[in-house]
Amino acid sequence: MEYLYLLKPPKNLTKICGICNKLGNASGEETQYQKVHGRWYEIAPFPSRFQPKDGMNARATYSLSEDGTVNVLNETWSGGKRAYIEGSAYKANPSSNEAKLKVKFYVPPFLLIIPVVGDYWVLYISGDYKYALVGQPSRQYLWILCRQNHLDDEIYNQLVQKAEGEGYDVSKLQKTRQTDPPPEEDKTSPEDTKGIWWIQSIFGK
């Protein structure tokens, strides 16, 4: 997943992105943020240097805070420890209905010195908001996401075909290991509070 940090978006961000009523182009229609908030599991991404190679159970949780900030919590488990970072997503163009977002995070996560902003485009989403395809204009990053930590093979293959049709090199997709059941909500797992996972990922570990 992209790793993000807090940023206050426009006050009118009640409609975060355009989506479609069925699997298809997500560029022209609007939906209320409440329909896409909550937890999404990473089914398969392009490899990223911002994630540990041994990462598993990767997931993102989106919520709207009282001050209007769209919070993002990204989690993964590396070396038996829970690694996480918090951030934000906001519309690239507040006046547009397109599903094109900006994400912002700071690195390294334990010092929060350098702000990094990236593109996060919702390419496709199912009409029931159960699975989605997310990419970037550079086509260097791609994510297949699902509300559950597993996805039917037929649907997965459909999303792969959609990505290929958009010009993505789908041979780079790597499925994320997800345990069943997923990690508990009580956060009893040991936590990597020093950002060791981030340092290791930078060095390809």
Protein backbone atom coordinates (compact mmCIF):
# COMPACT_ATOMS: atom_id res chain seq x y z
CA MET A 1 0.00 0.00 0.00
CA GLU A 2 0.94 3.66 -0.27
CA TYR A 3 2.07 4.94 3.14
CA LEU A 4 0.53 8.27 4.07
CA TYR A 5 0.42 11.04 6.69
CA LEU A 6 -2.25 13.54 7.76
CA LEU A 7 -3.23 16.45 5.55
CA LYS A 8 -6.40 18.55 5.81
CA PRO A 9 -8.33 18.37 2.51
CA PRO A 10 -10.95 20.82 1.20
CA LYS A 11 -13.92 21.30 3.51
CA ASN A 12 -16.35 20.05 0.88
CA LEU A 13 -14.77 16.61 0.74
CA THR A 14 -17.96 14.64 1.30
CA LYS A 15 -17.64 13.13 -2.16
CA ILE A 16 -14.16 11.72 -2.42
CA CYS A 17 -14.15 10.15 -5.85
CA GLY A 18 -16.12 9.12 -8.91
CA ILE A 19 -17.07 5.48 -9.15
CA CYS A 20 -19.15 3.27 -11.36
CA ASN A 21 -22.28 1.25 -10.71
CA LYS A 22 -20.62 -1.84 -12.09
CA LEU A 23 -17.06 -2.86 -12.91
CA GLY A 24 -15.94 -0.26 -15.42
CA ASN A 25 -14.51 3.22 -15.85
CA ALA A 26 -14.59 5.14 -12.58
CA SER A 27 -13.91 8.62 -13.94
CA GLY A 28 -17.32 10.23 -14.34
CA GLU A 29 -19.67 9.61 -11.40
CA GLU A 30 -19.73 10.71 -7.76
CA THR A 31 -20.31 8.81 -4.57
CA GLN A 32 -20.44 9.82 -0.94
CA TYR A 33 -17.25 9.07 0.96
CA GLN A 34 -19.13 6.84 3.40
CA LYS A 35 -19.45 4.20 0.68
CA VAL A 36 -15.72 3.77 0.28
CA HIS A 37 -14.57 4.31 3.86
CA GLY A 38 -13.63 1.43 6.14
CA ARG A 39 -11.14 -1.37 5.61
CA TRP A 40 -9.67 -2.61 2.35
CA TYR A 41 -7.33 -5.60 2.11
CA GLU A 42 -4.45 -5.67 -0.33
CA ILE A 43 -4.92 -8.66 -2.62
CA ALA A 44 -2.09 -7.96 -5.06
CA PRO A 45 0.17 -4.94 -5.69
CA PHE A 46 3.15 -4.02 -7.78
CA PRO A 47 6.20 -4.34 -5.51
CA SER A 48 7.09 -1.12 -3.72
CA ARG A 49 10.25 -0.07 -1.90
CA PHE A 50 8.00 1.40 0.78
CA GLN A 51 6.90 -2.06 1.86
CA PRO A 52 8.96 -4.83 3.47
CA LYS A 53 9.51 -7.85 1.24
CA ASP A 54 8.27 -10.19 3.96
CA GLY A 55 5.16 -8.09 4.60
CA MET A 56 1.85 -9.90 4.99
CA ASN A 57 -1.76 -9.08 5.93
CA ALA A 58 -1.42 -5.64 4.34
CA ARG A 59 -4.55 -3.51 4.65
CA ALA A 60 -5.74 0.10 4.66
CA THR A 61 -8.49 1.69 6.74
CA TYR A 62 -10.11 4.98 5.71
CA SER A 63 -12.09 7.23 8.04
CA LEU A 64 -13.37 10.80 8.16
CA SER A 65 -12.39 12.75 11.26
CA GLU A 66 -14.46 15.46 12.92
CA ASP A 67 -12.31 18.23 11.45
CA GLY A 68 -12.90 16.98 7.93
CA THR A 69 -9.53 15.26 7.53
CA VAL A 70 -9.61 11.97 5.62
CA ASN A 71 -7.43 9.66 7.69
CA VAL A 72 -5.67 6.61 6.28
CA LEU A 73 -4.20 3.85 8.40
CA ASN A 74 -1.97 1.43 6.50
CA GLU A 75 -0.83 -1.74 8.22
CA THR A 76 1.33 -4.72 7.41
CA TRP A 77 3.01 -7.43 9.46
CA SER A 78 6.76 -7.90 9.07
CA GLY A 79 9.00 -10.16 11.13
CA GLY A 80 6.06 -11.00 13.37
CA LYS A 81 5.47 -7.33 14.21
CA ARG A 82 2.74 -4.92 13.19
CA ALA A 83 4.14 -2.08 11.07
CA TYR A 84 1.91 0.88 10.31
CA ILE A 85 1.78 4.49 9.25
CA GLU A 86 -1.04 7.02 9.14
CA GLY A 87 -1.76 9.55 6.44
CA SER A 88 -4.36 11.12 4.19
CA ALA A 89 -5.93 11.19 0.75
CA TYR A 90 -7.67 14.10 -0.94
CA LYS A 91 -9.06 14.93 -4.37
CA ALA A 92 -6.46 16.16 -6.82
CA ASN A 93 -9.00 18.59 -8.24
CA PRO A 94 -11.78 19.51 -5.75
CA SER A 95 -14.06 20.72 -8.57
CA SER A 96 -13.75 17.50 -10.58
CA ASN A 97 -15.83 14.34 -10.24
CA GLU A 98 -12.97 12.15 -11.43
CA ALA A 99 -11.63 9.42 -9.18
CA LYS A 100 -8.18 10.95 -9.03
CA LEU A 101 -6.72 11.44 -5.57
CA LYS A 102 -3.51 12.78 -4.07
CA VAL A 103 -1.85 11.06 -1.14
CA LYS A 104 0.66 12.56 1.25
CA PHE A 105 3.05 10.96 3.69
CA TYR A 106 6.26 11.82 5.50
CA VAL A 107 9.48 9.81 5.55
CA PRO A 108 11.12 8.40 7.52
CA PRO A 109 8.04 7.48 9.57
CA PHE A 110 9.88 7.88 12.88
CA LEU A 111 11.04 11.47 12.21
CA LEU A 112 8.42 12.85 9.79
CA ILE A 113 10.85 15.12 7.97
CA ILE A 114 10.30 14.77 4.23
CA PRO A 115 6.79 15.17 2.78
CA VAL A 116 6.02 13.03 -0.27
CA VAL A 117 2.92 13.44 -2.41
CA GLY A 118 1.76 10.86 -4.95
CA ASP A 119 -1.13 10.04 -7.25
CA TYR A 120 -3.77 7.47 -6.31
CA TRP A 121 -6.30 6.89 -9.08
CA VAL A 122 -9.36 4.69 -8.61
CA LEU A 123 -9.47 2.93 -11.98
CA TYR A 124 -12.34 0.51 -11.33
CA ILE A 125 -14.63 -0.39 -8.46
CA SER A 126 -17.49 -2.84 -8.19
CA GLY A 127 -21.05 -1.60 -7.90
CA ASP A 128 -21.31 -3.05 -4.39
CA TYR A 129 -18.01 -1.41 -3.33
CA LYS A 130 -16.47 -4.80 -2.55
CA TYR A 131 -13.34 -4.73 -4.73
CA ALA A 132 -11.35 -2.13 -6.59
CA LEU A 133 -8.45 -1.48 -8.92
CA VAL A 134 -6.18 1.45 -8.07
CA GLY A 135 -3.25 2.79 -10.06
CA GLN A 136 -1.22 5.85 -11.02
CA PRO A 137 -0.69 7.81 -14.25
CA SER A 138 2.94 6.65 -14.29
CA ARG A 139 1.73 3.03 -14.20
CA GLN A 140 4.57 2.23 -11.80
CA TYR A 141 2.18 1.24 -9.02
CA LEU A 142 -0.98 -0.84 -9.03
CA TRP A 143 -3.19 -2.33 -6.33
CA ILE A 144 -6.02 -4.84 -6.34
CA LEU A 145 -8.07 -4.29 -3.19
CA CYS A 146 -11.00 -6.07 -1.58
CA ARG A 147 -13.25 -5.65 1.44
CA GLN A 148 -12.38 -9.23 2.41
CA ASN A 149 -8.86 -10.61 2.67
CA HIS A 150 -9.46 -12.96 -0.24
CA LEU A 151 -10.90 -12.48 -3.73
CA ASP A 152 -12.55 -14.93 -6.10
CA ASP A 153 -10.15 -16.02 -8.84
CA GLU A 154 -12.57 -15.10 -11.61
CA ILE A 155 -12.97 -11.55 -10.33
CA TYR A 156 -9.23 -11.27 -9.77
CA ASN A 157 -8.56 -12.26 -13.37
CA GLN A 158 -11.13 -9.73 -14.60
CA LEU A 159 -9.34 -6.97 -12.71
CA VAL A 160 -5.98 -8.09 -14.07
CA GLN A 161 -7.40 -7.89 -17.59
CA LYS A 162 -8.76 -4.42 -16.90
CA ALA A 163 -5.35 -3.29 -15.68
CA GLU A 164 -3.66 -4.75 -18.73
CA GLY A 165 -6.12 -2.89 -20.92
CA GLU A 166 -5.07 0.33 -19.20
CA GLY A 167 -1.45 -0.29 -20.13
CA TYR A 168 -0.12 -1.77 -16.88
CA ASP A 169 2.51 -4.53 -16.95
CA VAL A 170 0.44 -7.03 -14.99
CA SER A 171 3.33 -9.50 -14.89
CA LYS A 172 4.64 -7.41 -11.98
CA LEU A 173 1.62 -8.14 -9.78
CA GLN A 174 2.47 -10.12 -6.66
CA LYS A 175 -0.23 -11.55 -4.43
CA THR A 176 -0.10 -10.48 -0.80
CA ARG A 177 -0.10 -13.22 1.80
CA GLN A 178 -3.24 -12.92 3.91
CA THR A 179 -3.89 -15.18 6.90
CA ASP A 180 -7.30 -16.57 7.75
CA PRO A 181 -8.56 -15.21 10.02
CA PRO A 182 -6.85 -11.81 9.66
CA PRO A 183 -5.02 -10.26 12.63
CA GLU A 184 -7.21 -9.31 15.57
CA GLU A 185 -8.52 -5.81 16.16
CA ASP A 186 -7.10 -5.57 19.69
CA LYS A 187 -3.59 -4.91 18.33
CA THR A 188 -2.05 -7.53 20.59
CA SER A 189 0.72 -8.19 18.09
CA PRO A 190 4.14 -6.72 18.88
CA GLU A 191 4.60 -3.38 17.10
CA ASP A 192 7.55 -1.99 15.19
CA THR A 193 7.53 1.47 16.77
CA LYS A 194 11.00 2.46 15.51
CA GLY A 195 10.33 2.20 11.79
CA ILE A 196 12.76 -0.67 11.31
CA TRP A 197 10.45 -2.09 8.61
CA TRP A 198 10.84 1.14 6.61
CA ILE A 199 14.64 1.16 6.85
CA GLN A 200 14.79 -2.48 5.76
CA SER A 201 12.43 -1.86 2.83
CA ILE A 202 14.64 0.96 1.54
CA PHE A 203 17.54 -1.50 1.39
CA GLY A 204 15.39 -4.11 -0.35
CA LYS A 205 14.91 -6.37 2.66
